[in-house]
Amino acid sequence: MKIRILLAFALAAAWTAAGAHDYMGMEPLIVDAKEIEGVTNEDGETIKILLRTEDTAGQYTVFSDTFADQTSVGLHKHDWHDEAFYVIRGSYSVVNGDENVRHTVTEDTIVFTPRGTVHAWTALEPDSKFIVIYTPGGWDHFFEAVGQLTEEQRNDEEFMDQFLLSYDEIYFQ
């Protein structure tokens, strides 16, 4: 009996090791964030996509987000996605769940926001930065699509409402 159990563990370990490198088409990857060119918006927020949806077979997207002083992302939610934010430097005022309660989060703090949860944040210091894990993946596609919008589309409120909704970005004004 012990031999069968050990054999089963050995076969499982071998199968896992053999298939780990190409599970769902994924390959091992090392990313040097210093080599990624970020994109900065009009509010001074700089985003770098670290792991794209295609890198993780759709499981998640990872990006860094660096904020200018007092940059805010308004109250919103995602019905299909969970987010985890890990603060690298600086501090933020965060709404996470109860929109009437703000939390101050600082370096080495992680904030988890399950799908359907309202959340918002404001950078409290210049150059505050966090890493976001967005699951399932797809946020990088939203980011790329935003970059393709025309000025006319950006100024069309009805178009923007539908555009944001199509990427699971549901904002409350």
N, C-alpha and C. Protein backbone atom coordinates (compact mmCIF):
# COMPACT_ATOMS: atom_id res chain seq x y z
N MET A 1 0.82 -1.20 0.00
CA MET A 1 0.00 0.00 0.00
C MET A 1 0.86 1.26 0.00
N LYS A 2 1.90 1.28 0.87
CA LYS A 2 2.79 2.45 0.93
C LYS A 2 3.46 2.68 -0.42
N ILE A 3 3.85 1.61 -1.09
CA ILE A 3 4.51 1.73 -2.39
C ILE A 3 3.56 2.38 -3.40
N ARG A 4 2.30 1.99 -3.40
CA ARG A 4 1.33 2.56 -4.33
C ARG A 4 1.13 4.06 -4.06
N ILE A 5 1.06 4.42 -2.80
CA ILE A 5 0.90 5.83 -2.45
C ILE A 5 2.12 6.62 -2.88
N LEU A 6 3.32 6.11 -2.58
CA LEU A 6 4.55 6.79 -2.99
C LEU A 6 4.63 6.90 -4.51
N LEU A 7 4.25 5.83 -5.21
CA LEU A 7 4.26 5.84 -6.67
C LEU A 7 3.28 6.88 -7.19
N ALA A 8 2.11 6.96 -6.59
CA ALA A 8 1.11 7.95 -7.01
C ALA A 8 1.64 9.37 -6.81
N PHE A 9 2.28 9.63 -5.66
CA PHE A 9 2.87 10.95 -5.42
C PHE A 9 3.99 11.23 -6.42
N ALA A 10 4.83 10.26 -6.69
CA ALA A 10 5.94 10.43 -7.63
C ALA A 10 5.41 10.72 -9.03
N LEU A 11 4.40 9.98 -9.47
CA LEU A 11 3.82 10.22 -10.78
C LEU A 11 3.15 11.59 -10.86
N ALA A 12 2.45 11.96 -9.80
CA ALA A 12 1.81 13.29 -9.78
C ALA A 12 2.85 14.39 -9.84
N ALA A 13 3.92 14.25 -9.08
CA ALA A 13 4.99 15.26 -9.08
C ALA A 13 5.66 15.34 -10.45
N ALA A 14 5.92 14.20 -11.06
CA ALA A 14 6.55 14.18 -12.38
C ALA A 14 5.63 14.81 -13.42
N TRP A 15 4.34 14.45 -13.36
CA TRP A 15 3.39 15.02 -14.31
C TRP A 15 3.29 16.53 -14.14
N THR A 16 3.24 16.99 -12.89
CA THR A 16 3.16 18.41 -12.61
C THR A 16 4.40 19.12 -13.11
N ALA A 17 5.58 18.59 -12.81
CA ALA A 17 6.82 19.22 -13.24
C ALA A 17 6.93 19.23 -14.76
N ALA A 18 6.54 18.15 -15.41
CA ALA A 18 6.64 18.06 -16.86
C ALA A 18 5.69 19.03 -17.55
N GLY A 19 4.53 19.24 -16.97
CA GLY A 19 3.54 20.09 -17.62
C GLY A 19 3.55 21.52 -17.15
N ALA A 20 4.30 21.83 -16.10
CA ALA A 20 4.25 23.17 -15.52
C ALA A 20 4.72 24.24 -16.49
N HIS A 21 5.69 23.91 -17.33
CA HIS A 21 6.24 24.94 -18.20
C HIS A 21 5.31 25.35 -19.33
N ASP A 22 4.35 24.53 -19.66
CA ASP A 22 3.45 24.93 -20.74
C ASP A 22 1.97 24.75 -20.38
N TYR A 23 1.66 24.84 -19.12
CA TYR A 23 0.28 24.73 -18.67
C TYR A 23 -0.55 25.80 -19.38
N MET A 24 -1.56 25.38 -20.10
CA MET A 24 -2.46 26.29 -20.82
C MET A 24 -1.70 27.24 -21.74
N GLY A 25 -0.54 26.82 -22.22
CA GLY A 25 0.23 27.66 -23.13
C GLY A 25 1.14 28.66 -22.45
N MET A 26 1.19 28.64 -21.13
CA MET A 26 2.05 29.59 -20.41
C MET A 26 3.48 29.10 -20.40
N GLU A 27 4.39 30.04 -20.40
CA GLU A 27 5.81 29.76 -20.30
C GLU A 27 6.37 30.56 -19.12
N PRO A 28 7.47 30.10 -18.52
CA PRO A 28 8.10 30.89 -17.47
C PRO A 28 8.47 32.26 -18.01
N LEU A 29 8.40 33.26 -17.17
CA LEU A 29 8.62 34.63 -17.61
C LEU A 29 9.21 35.44 -16.47
N ILE A 30 10.21 36.23 -16.78
CA ILE A 30 10.78 37.18 -15.83
C ILE A 30 10.64 38.55 -16.45
N VAL A 31 10.05 39.47 -15.70
CA VAL A 31 9.78 40.81 -16.21
C VAL A 31 10.54 41.82 -15.36
N ASP A 32 11.34 42.65 -16.01
CA ASP A 32 12.02 43.75 -15.33
C ASP A 32 11.18 45.00 -15.57
N ALA A 33 10.46 45.42 -14.56
CA ALA A 33 9.54 46.55 -14.69
C ALA A 33 10.26 47.83 -15.11
N LYS A 34 11.55 47.94 -14.80
CA LYS A 34 12.30 49.13 -15.20
C LYS A 34 12.40 49.24 -16.71
N GLU A 35 12.26 48.13 -17.41
CA GLU A 35 12.37 48.13 -18.86
C GLU A 35 11.04 48.35 -19.57
N ILE A 36 9.96 48.44 -18.83
CA ILE A 36 8.64 48.65 -19.42
C ILE A 36 8.33 50.14 -19.41
N GLU A 37 7.95 50.64 -20.57
CA GLU A 37 7.59 52.04 -20.66
C GLU A 37 6.15 52.22 -20.16
N GLY A 38 5.98 53.05 -19.18
CA GLY A 38 4.65 53.31 -18.66
C GLY A 38 3.93 54.35 -19.48
N VAL A 39 2.63 54.43 -19.29
CA VAL A 39 1.81 55.45 -19.93
C VAL A 39 1.22 56.31 -18.84
N THR A 40 1.38 57.61 -18.97
CA THR A 40 0.89 58.55 -17.96
C THR A 40 -0.33 59.29 -18.51
N ASN A 41 -1.40 59.31 -17.72
CA ASN A 41 -2.61 60.02 -18.14
C ASN A 41 -2.56 61.48 -17.70
N GLU A 42 -3.63 62.22 -18.01
CA GLU A 42 -3.70 63.65 -17.71
C GLU A 42 -3.71 63.95 -16.22
N ASP A 43 -4.03 62.96 -15.38
CA ASP A 43 -4.05 63.15 -13.93
C ASP A 43 -2.70 62.84 -13.28
N GLY A 44 -1.72 62.43 -14.08
CA GLY A 44 -0.41 62.10 -13.53
C GLY A 44 -0.30 60.67 -13.04
N GLU A 45 -1.23 59.81 -13.42
CA GLU A 45 -1.21 58.40 -13.05
C GLU A 45 -0.42 57.65 -14.13
N THR A 46 0.61 56.88 -13.71
CA THR A 46 1.42 56.13 -14.66
C THR A 46 1.19 54.64 -14.47
N ILE A 47 0.84 53.97 -15.55
CA ILE A 47 0.52 52.54 -15.51
C ILE A 47 1.52 51.78 -16.36
N LYS A 48 1.99 50.66 -15.78
CA LYS A 48 2.86 49.73 -16.51
C LYS A 48 2.23 48.35 -16.44
N ILE A 49 1.96 47.75 -17.58
CA ILE A 49 1.44 46.38 -17.62
C ILE A 49 2.63 45.45 -17.42
N LEU A 50 2.62 44.68 -16.34
CA LEU A 50 3.73 43.78 -16.01
C LEU A 50 3.51 42.37 -16.54
N LEU A 51 2.30 41.85 -16.39
CA LEU A 51 1.92 40.55 -16.96
C LEU A 51 0.60 40.73 -17.68
N ARG A 52 0.62 40.47 -18.96
CA ARG A 52 -0.57 40.62 -19.80
C ARG A 52 -1.48 39.39 -19.66
N THR A 53 -2.71 39.55 -20.05
CA THR A 53 -3.68 38.46 -20.03
C THR A 53 -3.13 37.25 -20.78
N GLU A 54 -2.50 37.48 -21.92
CA GLU A 54 -1.96 36.38 -22.72
C GLU A 54 -0.80 35.67 -22.03
N ASP A 55 -0.06 36.38 -21.18
CA ASP A 55 1.05 35.77 -20.44
C ASP A 55 0.56 34.74 -19.43
N THR A 56 -0.67 34.92 -18.95
CA THR A 56 -1.20 34.07 -17.87
C THR A 56 -2.37 33.20 -18.32
N ALA A 57 -2.49 33.03 -19.64
CA ALA A 57 -3.59 32.24 -20.21
C ALA A 57 -4.95 32.74 -19.70
N GLY A 58 -5.06 34.05 -19.56
CA GLY A 58 -6.33 34.66 -19.17
C GLY A 58 -6.63 34.66 -17.69
N GLN A 59 -5.75 34.10 -16.88
CA GLN A 59 -6.05 33.96 -15.46
C GLN A 59 -6.01 35.29 -14.70
N TYR A 60 -5.08 36.17 -15.06
CA TYR A 60 -4.99 37.46 -14.40
C TYR A 60 -4.13 38.41 -15.20
N THR A 61 -4.21 39.69 -14.84
CA THR A 61 -3.35 40.74 -15.36
C THR A 61 -2.66 41.36 -14.14
N VAL A 62 -1.39 41.70 -14.28
CA VAL A 62 -0.66 42.39 -13.20
C VAL A 62 -0.12 43.70 -13.77
N PHE A 63 -0.35 44.78 -13.03
CA PHE A 63 0.20 46.07 -13.46
C PHE A 63 0.61 46.90 -12.26
N SER A 64 1.51 47.84 -12.50
CA SER A 64 1.87 48.79 -11.46
C SER A 64 1.17 50.10 -11.77
N ASP A 65 0.86 50.83 -10.74
CA ASP A 65 0.14 52.09 -10.87
C ASP A 65 0.82 53.08 -9.94
N THR A 66 1.38 54.14 -10.52
CA THR A 66 2.05 55.18 -9.75
C THR A 66 1.24 56.45 -9.87
N PHE A 67 0.97 57.09 -8.74
CA PHE A 67 0.08 58.25 -8.71
C PHE A 67 0.82 59.52 -8.36
N ALA A 68 0.44 60.60 -9.02
CA ALA A 68 0.89 61.92 -8.60
C ALA A 68 0.16 62.27 -7.30
N ASP A 69 0.60 63.30 -6.63
CA ASP A 69 0.00 63.70 -5.36
C ASP A 69 -1.50 63.94 -5.52
N GLN A 70 -2.29 63.33 -4.64
CA GLN A 70 -3.74 63.51 -4.56
C GLN A 70 -4.50 63.02 -5.79
N THR A 71 -3.90 62.20 -6.62
CA THR A 71 -4.61 61.59 -7.74
C THR A 71 -5.64 60.62 -7.18
N SER A 72 -6.83 60.63 -7.76
CA SER A 72 -7.91 59.78 -7.27
C SER A 72 -8.48 58.91 -8.38
N VAL A 73 -8.97 57.76 -7.99
CA VAL A 73 -9.82 56.92 -8.84
C VAL A 73 -11.15 56.85 -8.12
N GLY A 74 -12.20 57.31 -8.78
CA GLY A 74 -13.51 57.43 -8.15
C GLY A 74 -14.17 56.11 -7.79
N LEU A 75 -15.25 56.22 -7.06
CA LEU A 75 -16.00 55.06 -6.59
C LEU A 75 -16.51 54.25 -7.78
N HIS A 76 -16.16 52.96 -7.80
CA HIS A 76 -16.55 52.07 -8.88
C HIS A 76 -16.57 50.63 -8.40
N LYS A 77 -17.00 49.74 -9.27
CA LYS A 77 -16.97 48.30 -8.97
C LYS A 77 -16.77 47.53 -10.26
N HIS A 78 -16.48 46.25 -10.10
CA HIS A 78 -16.36 45.31 -11.21
C HIS A 78 -17.22 44.10 -10.86
N ASP A 79 -18.13 43.75 -11.74
CA ASP A 79 -19.00 42.60 -11.46
C ASP A 79 -18.35 41.27 -11.83
N TRP A 80 -17.32 41.28 -12.70
CA TRP A 80 -16.72 40.03 -13.16
C TRP A 80 -15.29 39.83 -12.70
N HIS A 81 -14.72 40.79 -11.99
CA HIS A 81 -13.30 40.72 -11.65
C HIS A 81 -13.05 41.00 -10.17
N ASP A 82 -12.03 40.33 -9.64
CA ASP A 82 -11.50 40.60 -8.31
C ASP A 82 -10.21 41.39 -8.49
N GLU A 83 -9.86 42.20 -7.49
CA GLU A 83 -8.61 42.94 -7.53
C GLU A 83 -7.89 42.83 -6.18
N ALA A 84 -6.59 42.75 -6.25
CA ALA A 84 -5.76 42.85 -5.05
C ALA A 84 -4.72 43.93 -5.32
N PHE A 85 -4.57 44.85 -4.37
CA PHE A 85 -3.65 45.96 -4.49
C PHE A 85 -2.59 45.83 -3.40
N TYR A 86 -1.33 45.83 -3.79
CA TYR A 86 -0.24 45.76 -2.81
C TYR A 86 0.53 47.08 -2.88
N VAL A 87 0.53 47.81 -1.77
CA VAL A 87 1.17 49.13 -1.74
C VAL A 87 2.68 48.96 -1.64
N ILE A 88 3.38 49.49 -2.63
CA ILE A 88 4.84 49.43 -2.70
C ILE A 88 5.46 50.61 -1.96
N ARG A 89 4.89 51.80 -2.19
CA ARG A 89 5.39 52.99 -1.50
C ARG A 89 4.27 54.02 -1.40
N GLY A 90 4.44 54.90 -0.44
CA GLY A 90 3.46 55.96 -0.24
C GLY A 90 2.28 55.51 0.58
N SER A 91 1.19 56.27 0.46
CA SER A 91 -0.03 55.95 1.19
C SER A 91 -1.25 56.38 0.40
N TYR A 92 -2.36 55.75 0.72
CA TYR A 92 -3.62 55.99 0.02
C TYR A 92 -4.76 56.06 1.02
N SER A 93 -5.78 56.82 0.66
CA SER A 93 -7.06 56.78 1.33
C SER A 93 -7.94 55.88 0.47
N VAL A 94 -8.47 54.80 1.07
CA VAL A 94 -9.15 53.76 0.30
C VAL A 94 -10.56 53.53 0.82
N VAL A 95 -11.50 53.41 -0.11
CA VAL A 95 -12.83 52.89 0.18
C VAL A 95 -12.81 51.46 -0.34
N ASN A 96 -13.23 50.52 0.49
CA ASN A 96 -13.25 49.12 0.08
C ASN A 96 -14.45 48.44 0.72
N GLY A 97 -15.58 48.50 0.02
CA GLY A 97 -16.80 47.89 0.54
C GLY A 97 -17.79 48.93 1.00
N ASP A 98 -17.63 49.42 2.19
CA ASP A 98 -18.54 50.42 2.74
C ASP A 98 -18.11 51.79 2.23
N GLU A 99 -18.92 52.38 1.36
CA GLU A 99 -18.53 53.65 0.75
C GLU A 99 -18.49 54.82 1.73
N ASN A 100 -18.97 54.61 2.94
CA ASN A 100 -18.92 55.65 3.96
C ASN A 100 -17.69 55.55 4.86
N VAL A 101 -16.84 54.56 4.62
CA VAL A 101 -15.66 54.35 5.46
C VAL A 101 -14.41 54.43 4.59
N ARG A 102 -13.48 55.27 5.01
CA ARG A 102 -12.19 55.39 4.33
C ARG A 102 -11.11 54.83 5.25
N HIS A 103 -10.20 54.09 4.64
CA HIS A 103 -9.06 53.52 5.35
C HIS A 103 -7.79 54.15 4.80
N THR A 104 -6.83 54.40 5.66
CA THR A 104 -5.52 54.83 5.20
C THR A 104 -4.64 53.60 5.13
N VAL A 105 -4.08 53.34 3.96
CA VAL A 105 -3.20 52.20 3.77
C VAL A 105 -1.83 52.70 3.35
N THR A 106 -0.80 52.01 3.84
CA THR A 106 0.57 52.43 3.59
C THR A 106 1.40 51.27 3.05
N GLU A 107 2.66 51.53 2.85
CA GLU A 107 3.60 50.54 2.33
C GLU A 107 3.46 49.19 3.03
N ASP A 108 3.56 48.12 2.22
CA ASP A 108 3.45 46.74 2.69
C ASP A 108 2.05 46.36 3.15
N THR A 109 1.04 47.04 2.62
CA THR A 109 -0.35 46.69 2.90
C THR A 109 -0.97 46.14 1.63
N ILE A 110 -1.79 45.10 1.78
CA ILE A 110 -2.53 44.58 0.63
C ILE A 110 -4.02 44.79 0.87
N VAL A 111 -4.71 45.18 -0.19
CA VAL A 111 -6.15 45.40 -0.14
C VAL A 111 -6.78 44.44 -1.15
N PHE A 112 -7.71 43.62 -0.70
CA PHE A 112 -8.41 42.70 -1.60
C PHE A 112 -9.82 43.20 -1.80
N THR A 113 -10.23 43.30 -3.06
CA THR A 113 -11.56 43.77 -3.42
C THR A 113 -12.25 42.71 -4.28
N PRO A 114 -13.14 41.91 -3.68
CA PRO A 114 -13.84 40.90 -4.48
C PRO A 114 -14.80 41.56 -5.47
N ARG A 115 -15.10 40.83 -6.53
CA ARG A 115 -16.04 41.34 -7.54
C ARG A 115 -17.33 41.79 -6.89
N GLY A 116 -17.90 42.86 -7.44
CA GLY A 116 -19.15 43.40 -6.92
C GLY A 116 -18.98 44.37 -5.76
N THR A 117 -17.74 44.59 -5.32
CA THR A 117 -17.48 45.46 -4.17
C THR A 117 -17.10 46.87 -4.64
N VAL A 118 -17.79 47.88 -4.11
CA VAL A 118 -17.43 49.25 -4.47
C VAL A 118 -16.08 49.59 -3.84
N HIS A 119 -15.29 50.35 -4.57
CA HIS A 119 -13.98 50.75 -4.08
C HIS A 119 -13.52 52.02 -4.79
N ALA A 120 -12.61 52.73 -4.14
CA ALA A 120 -12.01 53.96 -4.67
C ALA A 120 -10.74 54.22 -3.89
N TRP A 121 -9.88 55.06 -4.43
CA TRP A 121 -8.67 55.41 -3.69
C TRP A 121 -8.16 56.76 -4.13
N THR A 122 -7.41 57.39 -3.22
CA THR A 122 -6.75 58.66 -3.46
C THR A 122 -5.33 58.54 -2.94
N ALA A 123 -4.37 58.91 -3.77
CA ALA A 123 -2.97 58.94 -3.33
C ALA A 123 -2.82 60.10 -2.34
N LEU A 124 -2.17 59.83 -1.22
CA LEU A 124 -1.96 60.86 -0.20
C LEU A 124 -0.58 61.47 -0.26
N GLU A 125 0.32 60.85 -1.02
CA GLU A 125 1.70 61.35 -1.16
C GLU A 125 2.09 61.30 -2.63
N PRO A 126 2.98 62.22 -3.04
CA PRO A 126 3.47 62.14 -4.42
C PRO A 126 4.21 60.83 -4.64
N ASP A 127 4.08 60.28 -5.82
CA ASP A 127 4.81 59.09 -6.25
C ASP A 127 4.39 57.83 -5.49
N SER A 128 3.18 57.81 -4.94
CA SER A 128 2.67 56.59 -4.31
C SER A 128 2.48 55.53 -5.40
N LYS A 129 2.76 54.27 -5.05
CA LYS A 129 2.73 53.22 -6.06
C LYS A 129 2.19 51.93 -5.48
N PHE A 130 1.35 51.24 -6.26
CA PHE A 130 0.94 49.89 -5.88
C PHE A 130 0.97 48.97 -7.08
N ILE A 131 0.96 47.68 -6.77
CA ILE A 131 0.87 46.63 -7.77
C ILE A 131 -0.54 46.06 -7.69
N VAL A 132 -1.17 45.85 -8.84
CA VAL A 132 -2.53 45.33 -8.89
C VAL A 132 -2.53 43.96 -9.57
N ILE A 133 -3.22 43.02 -8.96
CA ILE A 133 -3.50 41.73 -9.59
C ILE A 133 -5.00 41.72 -9.87
N TYR A 134 -5.35 41.60 -11.13
CA TYR A 134 -6.72 41.71 -11.61
C TYR A 134 -7.10 40.36 -12.21
N THR A 135 -8.11 39.70 -11.62
CA THR A 135 -8.44 38.36 -12.08
C THR A 135 -9.94 38.19 -12.30
N PRO A 136 -10.37 37.51 -13.36
CA PRO A 136 -9.51 37.00 -14.42
C PRO A 136 -8.89 38.14 -15.20
N GLY A 137 -7.97 37.80 -16.07
CA GLY A 137 -7.25 38.80 -16.85
C GLY A 137 -8.17 39.59 -17.76
N GLY A 138 -7.60 40.63 -18.36
CA GLY A 138 -8.34 41.43 -19.32
C GLY A 138 -8.17 42.92 -19.14
N TRP A 139 -7.68 43.35 -17.96
CA TRP A 139 -7.58 44.79 -17.73
C TRP A 139 -6.62 45.43 -18.72
N ASP A 140 -5.60 44.71 -19.14
CA ASP A 140 -4.67 45.26 -20.11
C ASP A 140 -5.37 45.59 -21.42
N HIS A 141 -6.39 44.81 -21.79
CA HIS A 141 -7.14 45.11 -23.01
C HIS A 141 -7.92 46.41 -22.86
N PHE A 142 -8.48 46.64 -21.66
CA PHE A 142 -9.16 47.90 -21.38
C PHE A 142 -8.18 49.06 -21.52
N PHE A 143 -7.03 48.93 -20.92
CA PHE A 143 -6.01 49.97 -20.95
C PHE A 143 -5.62 50.30 -22.40
N GLU A 144 -5.43 49.28 -23.21
CA GLU A 144 -5.08 49.50 -24.62
C GLU A 144 -6.22 50.17 -25.37
N ALA A 145 -7.45 49.76 -25.10
CA ALA A 145 -8.61 50.34 -25.78
C ALA A 145 -8.78 51.80 -25.41
N VAL A 146 -8.53 52.16 -24.16
CA VAL A 146 -8.62 53.57 -23.73
C VAL A 146 -7.65 54.41 -24.55
N GLY A 147 -6.47 53.87 -24.81
CA GLY A 147 -5.47 54.60 -25.59
C GLY A 147 -5.87 54.82 -27.03
N GLN A 148 -6.83 54.06 -27.52
CA GLN A 148 -7.29 54.19 -28.91
C GLN A 148 -8.51 55.11 -29.06
N LEU A 149 -9.07 55.56 -27.94
CA LEU A 149 -10.26 56.41 -28.01
C LEU A 149 -9.93 57.76 -28.63
N THR A 150 -10.86 58.26 -29.43
CA THR A 150 -10.71 59.60 -30.00
C THR A 150 -11.19 60.63 -28.97
N GLU A 151 -10.83 61.86 -29.18
CA GLU A 151 -11.28 62.95 -28.29
C GLU A 151 -12.81 63.03 -28.32
N GLU A 152 -13.39 62.84 -29.49
CA GLU A 152 -14.85 62.87 -29.61
C GLU A 152 -15.49 61.77 -28.77
N GLN A 153 -14.93 60.55 -28.82
CA GLN A 153 -15.46 59.45 -28.01
C GLN A 153 -15.31 59.73 -26.53
N ARG A 154 -14.17 60.25 -26.12
CA ARG A 154 -13.93 60.56 -24.70
C ARG A 154 -14.91 61.59 -24.16
N ASN A 155 -15.38 62.47 -25.03
CA ASN A 155 -16.31 63.53 -24.61
C ASN A 155 -17.77 63.14 -24.76
N ASP A 156 -18.04 61.97 -25.30
CA ASP A 156 -19.41 61.48 -25.49
C ASP A 156 -19.78 60.63 -24.28
N GLU A 157 -20.57 61.21 -23.37
CA GLU A 157 -20.90 60.55 -22.10
C GLU A 157 -21.60 59.21 -22.31
N GLU A 158 -22.54 59.16 -23.24
CA GLU A 158 -23.26 57.90 -23.49
C GLU A 158 -22.30 56.83 -24.03
N PHE A 159 -21.43 57.23 -24.95
CA PHE A 159 -20.45 56.28 -25.49
C PHE A 159 -19.54 55.77 -24.37
N MET A 160 -19.04 56.69 -23.54
CA MET A 160 -18.11 56.30 -22.47
C MET A 160 -18.78 55.39 -21.45
N ASP A 161 -20.04 55.63 -21.13
CA ASP A 161 -20.76 54.75 -20.20
C ASP A 161 -20.79 53.32 -20.74
N GLN A 162 -21.11 53.17 -22.03
CA GLN A 162 -21.17 51.85 -22.64
C GLN A 162 -19.78 51.23 -22.78
N PHE A 163 -18.80 52.06 -23.12
CA PHE A 163 -17.43 51.58 -23.25
C PHE A 163 -16.92 51.03 -21.92
N LEU A 164 -17.08 51.81 -20.85
CA LEU A 164 -16.64 51.37 -19.53
C LEU A 164 -17.37 50.10 -19.10
N LEU A 165 -18.66 50.06 -19.31
CA LEU A 165 -19.45 48.88 -18.94
C LEU A 165 -18.97 47.64 -19.70
N SER A 166 -18.57 47.80 -20.96
CA SER A 166 -18.12 46.65 -21.73
C SER A 166 -16.82 46.06 -21.19
N TYR A 167 -16.07 46.85 -20.39
CA TYR A 167 -14.85 46.37 -19.75
C TYR A 167 -15.01 46.18 -18.25
N ASP A 168 -16.28 46.09 -17.79
CA ASP A 168 -16.57 45.83 -16.37
C ASP A 168 -16.09 46.95 -15.46
N GLU A 169 -16.09 48.15 -15.96
CA GLU A 169 -15.75 49.34 -15.18
C GLU A 169 -17.05 50.09 -14.92
N ILE A 170 -17.60 49.96 -13.72
CA ILE A 170 -18.89 50.54 -13.39
C ILE A 170 -18.66 51.64 -12.36
N TYR A 171 -18.72 52.90 -12.84
CA TYR A 171 -18.43 54.06 -11.98
C TYR A 171 -19.73 54.66 -11.43
N PHE A 172 -19.62 55.22 -10.23
CA PHE A 172 -20.73 55.90 -9.57
C PHE A 172 -20.35 57.37 -9.44
N GLN A 173 -21.23 58.24 -9.83
CA GLN A 173 -20.93 59.69 -9.80
C GLN A 173 -21.55 60.32 -8.57
